[in-house]
């Protein structure tokens, strides 16, 4: 009895390992396996017998569609949830990865991991502007934007709950520093006035941000005068003149300084000069590297949660497939016994039941992927970022994620069909033929 129990545990562990290996297989390896399987089915006697047995079982599916649909729907649910969760993580990561540039540097206080815990004194700004490698505009002035961030509360459009939104103060050179930012409605704010331009994503997610509307922020009235697009994380923000914002919220220092450099060589000179100046105990990196680092933690967390939730649901789907296929084998006991009596050996019978289960799993995977793509692809949401404010982004249901979901579906079908298939092959012929 103990040996039998240990054998069952070992079998389950081996199946789990095999499932993990299957999930991480690249598509090239899957293609090779598919070609080998097709060759065996088409060019060997056992393979052709397996196909014929599978054809008989698949032909009877319409008579068992109610039970078989449990497998299809269960696996579709697993794939849909898994793909949606992974698409959320990929969309968030892609939004932050699109942010920044290798030609734009961000300067923070030494040791700061984000703008929220950074402080740059005002008297340090002229020193930063004078460093070599800083690009200059047509007017000859350095392309530098001293910035600060204030988290404010705005009602969301979906449920009118209060959400944290980043209210960013930027310098008058911010539009040249971030060349991808463009006004798509209205105009930019005027320095010295309490005027706001809002990101396109923020306007879509939060109430009260139409051009011409007035907001009460910091006990002062601010007017929305424009909407900007940037196709990155900044679309989640509200922008205003940094000096006006600092006066409103009594801020005596900046939090970050964004600097456009003269290409990669200019960035290298700027970084070296920053590190070599003892008066500037500041850190500098490209904005593209900064935002990639900011995206890492949350996107990994979302991916891990999606995998965990998908695994839990997959276990349920496996048990559903086991139950359904065991029932199918029981109802087809005489049919399977008859096939074995006329020459179908154990391997073709096992393969036929497995092919039937894999077909149902394939249908479930395709259905789940289709639903995930139709519902979630380019679906816009917002989540809390590292600055404790909402980041607006879109789900990205990519072909790679759909392929991952399909592999999960086939893996579930493989595990769910194996034991019923083995039972069908071991079913005593004489006993099965006597069953009514």
Foldseek 3Di string as FASTA:
>chain_A
DVVVVVVVVVVVVVLVVVLVCLLPDDVVVVVVVVVVLVCCLPPDPLNVLLVVLLVVVVVCCVVVVVLLVLLLQLLLVLLQLLLLLLLVLVFLLVQLLLDFDQQKKKKFFAPDLDLLPGWDAPVCVVVLQPFFFFDADPVRGGLKKFKAWDWDWFQWPPPGDTFTAIEMAIAPSVCVLQVLKDWPFFDDADPPAQEKEAAPLLPNTTPQQDAQGWDQDLNDIHGYGTYMYRSHQRSRHMYDHRVVVCVSVVNRTTRMMMTRGPPNVSVVRSQVRQVPDPVRNMDMGTSSVSSSVQSPPVSVVSSVVSVVVSVVSLVVSLVSLQVSLLVVLLVCLLVLLVSVVVPNALSSQLSSLLVNLLVSLQSSLVSSLVVSCVPAAQDWDWDQTPSRGIGITGRHSDPVSSVSSSSSSNSSSNSSRRVSSNCSNPPDSVVSNPDD
